[in-house]
Amino acid sequence: MNDVTNGTIWSFILIAIITIDAFITLLTMLNKGIFIDRRKQLMSKTNKELKELLVGIKNVSKLRKKELVDLVLEVTA
């Protein structure tokens, strides 16, 4: 094979790999990315984990889980 043919084949292989990688990335975004409700995700955490997200904020020790989730959403928004 000459250099032009070799370069063309490698270009098509590279484009195929990039296209497949982009398609896989789009499929994984559906499962764990933009369509997952942040509140449900935070409700699955323990109170201790939620309090660790709120380091530096006063009076979090007396809050219930729902109030902690609301505060985390407020702070990160």
C-alpha atoms as a PDB file:
ATOM      1  CA  MET A   1       0.000   0.000   0.000  1.00  0.00           C
ATOM      2  CA  ASN A   2       1.102   3.497  -0.600  1.00  0.00           C
ATOM      3  CA  ASP A   3       1.085   6.367   1.893  1.00  0.00           C
ATOM      4  CA  VAL A   4      -2.188   7.912   0.679  1.00  0.00           C
ATOM      5  CA  THR A   5      -4.132   4.654   1.035  1.00  0.00           C
ATOM      6  CA  ASN A   6      -2.595   3.971   4.413  1.00  0.00           C
ATOM      7  CA  GLY A   7      -3.457   7.451   5.652  1.00  0.00           C
ATOM      8  CA  THR A   8      -7.033   7.129   4.401  1.00  0.00           C
ATOM      9  CA  ILE A   9      -7.554   3.791   6.121  1.00  0.00           C
ATOM     10  CA  TRP A  10      -6.170   5.119   9.413  1.00  0.00           C
ATOM     11  CA  SER A  11      -8.402   8.189   9.132  1.00  0.00           C
ATOM     12  CA  PHE A  12     -11.520   6.033   8.693  1.00  0.00           C
ATOM     13  CA  ILE A  13     -10.506   3.827  11.611  1.00  0.00           C
ATOM     14  CA  LEU A  14      -9.985   6.892  13.801  1.00  0.00           C
ATOM     15  CA  ILE A  15     -13.356   8.375  12.785  1.00  0.00           C
ATOM     16  CA  ALA A  16     -15.069   5.051  13.544  1.00  0.00           C
ATOM     17  CA  ILE A  17     -13.498   4.861  17.012  1.00  0.00           C
ATOM     18  CA  ILE A  18     -14.454   8.460  17.832  1.00  0.00           C
ATOM     19  CA  THR A  19     -18.024   7.895  16.614  1.00  0.00           C
ATOM     20  CA  ILE A  20     -18.433   4.717  18.669  1.00  0.00           C
ATOM     21  CA  ASP A  21     -17.006   6.439  21.761  1.00  0.00           C
ATOM     22  CA  ALA A  22     -19.409   9.371  21.364  1.00  0.00           C
ATOM     23  CA  PHE A  23     -22.359   7.010  20.959  1.00  0.00           C
ATOM     24  CA  ILE A  24     -21.396   5.072  24.107  1.00  0.00           C
ATOM     25  CA  THR A  25     -21.049   8.340  26.034  1.00  0.00           C
ATOM     26  CA  LEU A  26     -24.536   9.416  24.971  1.00  0.00           C
ATOM     27  CA  LEU A  27     -26.007   6.092  26.070  1.00  0.00           C
ATOM     28  CA  THR A  28     -24.376   6.266  29.498  1.00  0.00           C
ATOM     29  CA  MET A  29     -25.681   9.809  30.013  1.00  0.00           C
ATOM     30  CA  LEU A  30     -29.218   8.460  29.819  1.00  0.00           C
ATOM     31  CA  ASN A  31     -28.560   6.013  32.649  1.00  0.00           C
ATOM     32  CA  LYS A  32     -26.581   8.064  35.119  1.00  0.00           C
ATOM     33  CA  GLY A  33     -26.540  11.641  34.038  1.00  0.00           C
ATOM     34  CA  ILE A  34     -29.025  14.299  33.153  1.00  0.00           C
ATOM     35  CA  PHE A  35     -32.311  12.466  33.729  1.00  0.00           C
ATOM     36  CA  ILE A  36     -31.723  11.376  37.342  1.00  0.00           C
ATOM     37  CA  ASP A  37     -33.523  13.422  39.979  1.00  0.00           C
ATOM     38  CA  ARG A  38     -30.954  14.997  42.298  1.00  0.00           C
ATOM     39  CA  ARG A  39     -33.372  14.907  45.258  1.00  0.00           C
ATOM     40  CA  LYS A  40     -33.865  11.118  44.936  1.00  0.00           C
ATOM     41  CA  GLN A  41     -30.131  10.650  44.669  1.00  0.00           C
ATOM     42  CA  LEU A  42     -29.549  12.649  47.852  1.00  0.00           C
ATOM     43  CA  MET A  43     -32.354  10.847  49.726  1.00  0.00           C
ATOM     44  CA  SER A  44     -30.477   7.567  49.238  1.00  0.00           C
ATOM     45  CA  LYS A  45     -27.515   8.971  51.203  1.00  0.00           C
ATOM     46  CA  THR A  46     -27.254   8.734  54.979  1.00  0.00           C
ATOM     47  CA  ASN A  47     -27.563  11.731  57.290  1.00  0.00           C
ATOM     48  CA  LYS A  48     -23.839  11.511  58.004  1.00  0.00           C
ATOM     49  CA  GLU A  49     -22.999  11.713  54.275  1.00  0.00           C
ATOM     50  CA  LEU A  50     -25.350  14.677  53.834  1.00  0.00           C
ATOM     51  CA  LYS A  51     -23.754  16.487  56.770  1.00  0.00           C
ATOM     52  CA  GLU A  52     -20.326  15.910  55.216  1.00  0.00           C
ATOM     53  CA  LEU A  53     -21.580  17.727  52.101  1.00  0.00           C
ATOM     54  CA  LEU A  54     -22.558  20.666  54.314  1.00  0.00           C
ATOM     55  CA  VAL A  55     -19.221  21.214  56.045  1.00  0.00           C
ATOM     56  CA  GLY A  56     -18.881  24.836  57.134  1.00  0.00           C
ATOM     57  CA  ILE A  57     -22.626  25.496  57.509  1.00  0.00           C
ATOM     58  CA  LYS A  58     -23.865  26.026  61.045  1.00  0.00           C
ATOM     59  CA  ASN A  59     -26.746  24.227  62.800  1.00  0.00           C
ATOM     60  CA  VAL A  60     -26.914  21.184  60.518  1.00  0.00           C
ATOM     61  CA  SER A  61     -26.721  18.720  63.418  1.00  0.00           C
ATOM     62  CA  LYS A  62     -30.353  19.289  64.427  1.00  0.00           C
ATOM     63  CA  LEU A  63     -31.871  18.992  60.942  1.00  0.00           C
ATOM     64  CA  ARG A  64     -33.865  16.035  59.656  1.00  0.00           C
ATOM     65  CA  LYS A  65     -32.967  14.212  56.467  1.00  0.00           C
ATOM     66  CA  LYS A  66     -35.523  16.075  54.319  1.00  0.00           C
ATOM     67  CA  GLU A  67     -34.249  19.407  55.624  1.00  0.00           C
ATOM     68  CA  LEU A  68     -30.638  18.348  54.975  1.00  0.00           C
ATOM     69  CA  VAL A  69     -31.494  17.413  51.384  1.00  0.00           C
ATOM     70  CA  ASP A  70     -33.253  20.740  50.866  1.00  0.00           C
ATOM     71  CA  LEU A  71     -30.246  22.595  52.255  1.00  0.00           C
ATOM     72  CA  VAL A  72     -27.802  20.681  50.037  1.00  0.00           C
ATOM     73  CA  LEU A  73     -29.912  21.471  46.988  1.00  0.00           C
ATOM     74  CA  GLU A  74     -30.076  25.133  48.004  1.00  0.00           C
ATOM     75  CA  VAL A  75     -26.346  25.407  48.584  1.00  0.00           C
ATOM     76  CA  THR A  76     -25.305  23.618  45.380  1.00  0.00           C
ATOM     77  CA  ALA A  77     -27.794  25.393  43.126  1.00  0.00           C
END
